Amino acid sequence: MPTRWLATSASAECAWVVWDGRLSRQGILEWFINGTFFTVKDCTADLLAFASTQKRDGYEVGGEFHCLPDTVDPLGPKGK
């Protein structure tokens, strides 16, 4: 599965988070924080460097990887 990333626009005051989504043994998509950054540019650069390093070292890069503002939950909005 190819690496996928998403960068959205947000205000300059927020931080950016690299989210890593992986399927658990129970088949549930679980999300982990892989890093935090001050800018989307730094977040995206780190994400691309990670994927490049993994591929160079012979690993298959899969799963869900996203750069999102720290105000965004990768699971979507919470219900009331």
N, C-alpha and C. Protein backbone atom coordinates (compact mmCIF):
# COMPACT_ATOMS: atom_id res chain seq x y z
N MET A 1 0.85 -1.17 0.00
CA MET A 1 0.00 0.00 0.00
C MET A 1 0.90 1.24 0.00
N PRO A 2 0.68 2.19 -0.87
CA PRO A 2 1.53 3.37 -0.93
C PRO A 2 1.30 4.30 0.25
N THR A 3 2.31 5.08 0.56
CA THR A 3 2.17 6.08 1.60
C THR A 3 1.23 7.16 1.11
N ARG A 4 0.31 7.55 1.97
CA ARG A 4 -0.61 8.62 1.63
C ARG A 4 -0.49 9.69 2.70
N TRP A 5 -0.54 10.94 2.29
CA TRP A 5 -0.49 12.03 3.25
C TRP A 5 -1.44 13.11 2.81
N LEU A 6 -1.85 13.87 3.76
CA LEU A 6 -2.80 14.94 3.51
C LEU A 6 -2.35 16.16 4.28
N ALA A 7 -2.26 17.27 3.62
CA ALA A 7 -1.92 18.53 4.29
C ALA A 7 -3.03 19.52 3.98
N THR A 8 -3.63 20.05 5.03
CA THR A 8 -4.68 21.02 4.85
C THR A 8 -4.23 22.36 5.39
N SER A 9 -4.90 23.43 4.98
CA SER A 9 -4.53 24.75 5.47
C SER A 9 -5.15 24.99 6.83
N ALA A 10 -4.45 25.76 7.65
CA ALA A 10 -4.94 26.13 8.98
C ALA A 10 -4.26 27.42 9.37
N SER A 11 -4.67 27.95 10.49
CA SER A 11 -4.07 29.21 10.93
C SER A 11 -2.62 29.00 11.32
N ALA A 12 -1.85 30.07 11.28
CA ALA A 12 -0.42 30.00 11.57
C ALA A 12 -0.14 29.67 13.02
N GLU A 13 -1.14 29.83 13.92
CA GLU A 13 -0.90 29.61 15.33
C GLU A 13 -0.88 28.13 15.71
N CYS A 14 -1.43 27.26 14.91
CA CYS A 14 -1.55 25.87 15.31
C CYS A 14 -0.28 25.07 15.01
N ALA A 15 -0.16 23.96 15.68
CA ALA A 15 0.92 23.01 15.41
C ALA A 15 0.40 21.99 14.40
N TRP A 16 1.32 21.21 13.86
CA TRP A 16 0.98 20.16 12.90
C TRP A 16 1.42 18.82 13.45
N VAL A 17 0.62 17.79 13.20
CA VAL A 17 0.87 16.47 13.75
C VAL A 17 0.95 15.46 12.62
N VAL A 18 1.96 14.58 12.67
CA VAL A 18 2.01 13.43 11.76
C VAL A 18 1.25 12.30 12.45
N TRP A 19 0.14 11.89 11.85
CA TRP A 19 -0.65 10.78 12.35
C TRP A 19 -0.33 9.53 11.54
N ASP A 20 -0.21 8.41 12.22
CA ASP A 20 0.08 7.11 11.62
C ASP A 20 -1.09 6.19 11.96
N GLY A 21 -1.85 5.79 10.96
CA GLY A 21 -2.99 4.89 11.17
C GLY A 21 -2.63 3.48 10.77
N ARG A 22 -2.82 2.55 11.71
CA ARG A 22 -2.51 1.14 11.45
C ARG A 22 -3.66 0.26 11.90
N LEU A 23 -3.86 -0.84 11.18
CA LEU A 23 -4.89 -1.79 11.57
C LEU A 23 -4.38 -2.64 12.73
N SER A 24 -5.22 -2.77 13.75
CA SER A 24 -4.88 -3.64 14.88
C SER A 24 -5.16 -5.09 14.48
N ARG A 25 -4.80 -6.01 15.35
CA ARG A 25 -5.08 -7.43 15.08
C ARG A 25 -6.58 -7.70 15.01
N GLN A 26 -7.36 -6.83 15.64
CA GLN A 26 -8.82 -6.97 15.62
C GLN A 26 -9.43 -6.30 14.39
N GLY A 27 -8.60 -5.70 13.52
CA GLY A 27 -9.09 -5.06 12.31
C GLY A 27 -9.59 -3.65 12.52
N ILE A 28 -9.21 -3.03 13.64
CA ILE A 28 -9.62 -1.67 13.95
C ILE A 28 -8.49 -0.72 13.59
N LEU A 29 -8.81 0.37 12.89
CA LEU A 29 -7.79 1.37 12.54
C LEU A 29 -7.46 2.18 13.78
N GLU A 30 -6.23 2.09 14.24
CA GLU A 30 -5.76 2.82 15.41
C GLU A 30 -4.80 3.91 14.96
N TRP A 31 -4.84 5.07 15.62
CA TRP A 31 -4.02 6.21 15.24
C TRP A 31 -2.96 6.49 16.29
N PHE A 32 -1.75 6.78 15.83
CA PHE A 32 -0.62 7.09 16.68
C PHE A 32 0.02 8.38 16.20
N ILE A 33 0.51 9.19 17.14
CA ILE A 33 1.23 10.40 16.77
C ILE A 33 2.69 10.05 16.51
N ASN A 34 3.18 10.41 15.33
CA ASN A 34 4.58 10.14 14.96
C ASN A 34 5.46 11.36 15.08
N GLY A 35 4.89 12.53 15.30
CA GLY A 35 5.69 13.74 15.45
C GLY A 35 4.82 14.97 15.43
N THR A 36 5.37 16.07 15.96
CA THR A 36 4.67 17.35 15.93
C THR A 36 5.62 18.42 15.40
N PHE A 37 5.05 19.40 14.70
CA PHE A 37 5.85 20.41 14.01
C PHE A 37 5.16 21.76 14.07
N PHE A 38 5.92 22.83 13.89
CA PHE A 38 5.37 24.17 13.90
C PHE A 38 4.73 24.55 12.57
N THR A 39 5.17 23.94 11.47
CA THR A 39 4.64 24.30 10.14
C THR A 39 4.24 23.05 9.36
N VAL A 40 3.31 23.22 8.43
CA VAL A 40 2.92 22.11 7.57
C VAL A 40 4.09 21.70 6.68
N LYS A 41 4.92 22.66 6.31
CA LYS A 41 6.08 22.36 5.48
C LYS A 41 7.03 21.39 6.20
N ASP A 42 7.31 21.66 7.48
CA ASP A 42 8.18 20.77 8.26
C ASP A 42 7.54 19.40 8.47
N CYS A 43 6.23 19.40 8.72
CA CYS A 43 5.50 18.15 8.93
C CYS A 43 5.57 17.27 7.68
N THR A 44 5.29 17.87 6.54
CA THR A 44 5.30 17.14 5.28
C THR A 44 6.71 16.66 4.94
N ALA A 45 7.71 17.50 5.16
CA ALA A 45 9.10 17.10 4.88
C ALA A 45 9.49 15.90 5.73
N ASP A 46 9.11 15.90 7.01
CA ASP A 46 9.44 14.77 7.87
C ASP A 46 8.73 13.51 7.42
N LEU A 47 7.49 13.64 7.03
CA LEU A 47 6.72 12.49 6.56
C LEU A 47 7.34 11.88 5.31
N LEU A 48 7.73 12.72 4.38
CA LEU A 48 8.35 12.23 3.15
C LEU A 48 9.72 11.62 3.43
N ALA A 49 10.49 12.22 4.35
CA ALA A 49 11.80 11.67 4.72
C ALA A 49 11.64 10.31 5.39
N PHE A 50 10.64 10.17 6.25
CA PHE A 50 10.38 8.89 6.91
C PHE A 50 10.09 7.80 5.87
N ALA A 51 9.19 8.10 4.93
CA ALA A 51 8.83 7.13 3.90
C ALA A 51 10.05 6.76 3.05
N SER A 52 10.84 7.75 2.69
CA SER A 52 12.03 7.51 1.89
C SER A 52 13.03 6.61 2.61
N THR A 53 13.24 6.89 3.90
CA THR A 53 14.18 6.09 4.70
C THR A 53 13.68 4.65 4.83
N GLN A 54 12.39 4.49 5.08
CA GLN A 54 11.84 3.14 5.20
C GLN A 54 12.01 2.35 3.91
N LYS A 55 11.73 2.98 2.79
CA LYS A 55 11.88 2.30 1.49
C LYS A 55 13.34 1.98 1.22
N ARG A 56 14.24 2.93 1.53
CA ARG A 56 15.67 2.71 1.31
C ARG A 56 16.17 1.53 2.11
N ASP A 57 15.63 1.37 3.33
CA ASP A 57 16.06 0.29 4.21
C ASP A 57 15.35 -1.03 3.93
N GLY A 58 14.54 -1.07 2.87
CA GLY A 58 13.92 -2.31 2.43
C GLY A 58 12.55 -2.59 3.02
N TYR A 59 11.97 -1.65 3.73
CA TYR A 59 10.64 -1.85 4.31
C TYR A 59 9.57 -1.40 3.33
N GLU A 60 8.44 -2.06 3.40
CA GLU A 60 7.29 -1.63 2.62
C GLU A 60 6.54 -0.60 3.44
N VAL A 61 6.32 0.56 2.88
CA VAL A 61 5.63 1.62 3.59
C VAL A 61 4.15 1.51 3.30
N GLY A 62 3.36 1.29 4.33
CA GLY A 62 1.92 1.15 4.16
C GLY A 62 1.19 1.83 5.28
N GLY A 63 -0.09 1.72 5.26
CA GLY A 63 -0.90 2.34 6.30
C GLY A 63 -1.38 3.71 5.88
N GLU A 64 -1.82 4.45 6.84
CA GLU A 64 -2.33 5.80 6.63
C GLU A 64 -1.41 6.78 7.34
N PHE A 65 -0.86 7.71 6.62
CA PHE A 65 -0.02 8.75 7.21
C PHE A 65 -0.59 10.10 6.79
N HIS A 66 -0.78 10.98 7.77
CA HIS A 66 -1.37 12.28 7.48
C HIS A 66 -0.68 13.37 8.29
N CYS A 67 -0.49 14.53 7.67
CA CYS A 67 -0.11 15.74 8.39
C CYS A 67 -1.40 16.55 8.57
N LEU A 68 -1.78 16.74 9.83
CA LEU A 68 -3.01 17.47 10.12
C LEU A 68 -2.75 18.52 11.19
N PRO A 69 -3.53 19.61 11.18
CA PRO A 69 -3.40 20.58 12.27
C PRO A 69 -3.70 19.90 13.60
N ASP A 70 -3.11 20.41 14.67
CA ASP A 70 -3.32 19.78 15.98
C ASP A 70 -4.77 19.88 16.46
N THR A 71 -5.57 20.67 15.79
CA THR A 71 -6.98 20.81 16.14
C THR A 71 -7.86 19.78 15.44
N VAL A 72 -7.28 18.96 14.56
CA VAL A 72 -8.05 17.99 13.79
C VAL A 72 -7.77 16.58 14.31
N ASP A 73 -8.85 15.86 14.61
CA ASP A 73 -8.76 14.46 15.02
C ASP A 73 -8.87 13.60 13.76
N PRO A 74 -7.93 12.66 13.53
CA PRO A 74 -7.99 11.85 12.31
C PRO A 74 -9.25 10.97 12.24
N LEU A 75 -9.90 10.75 13.37
CA LEU A 75 -11.12 9.95 13.37
C LEU A 75 -12.35 10.76 12.99
N GLY A 76 -12.18 12.08 12.87
CA GLY A 76 -13.30 12.94 12.53
C GLY A 76 -13.90 13.58 13.76
N PRO A 77 -14.94 14.39 13.56
CA PRO A 77 -15.55 15.09 14.70
C PRO A 77 -16.20 14.12 15.67
N LYS A 78 -16.18 14.50 16.93
CA LYS A 78 -16.82 13.69 17.98
C LYS A 78 -18.30 14.02 18.03
N GLY A 79 -19.12 12.98 18.27
CA GLY A 79 -20.56 13.19 18.41
C GLY A 79 -20.91 13.77 19.76
N LYS A 80 -22.11 14.30 19.86
CA LYS A 80 -22.56 14.89 21.14
C LYS A 80 -23.24 13.86 21.99
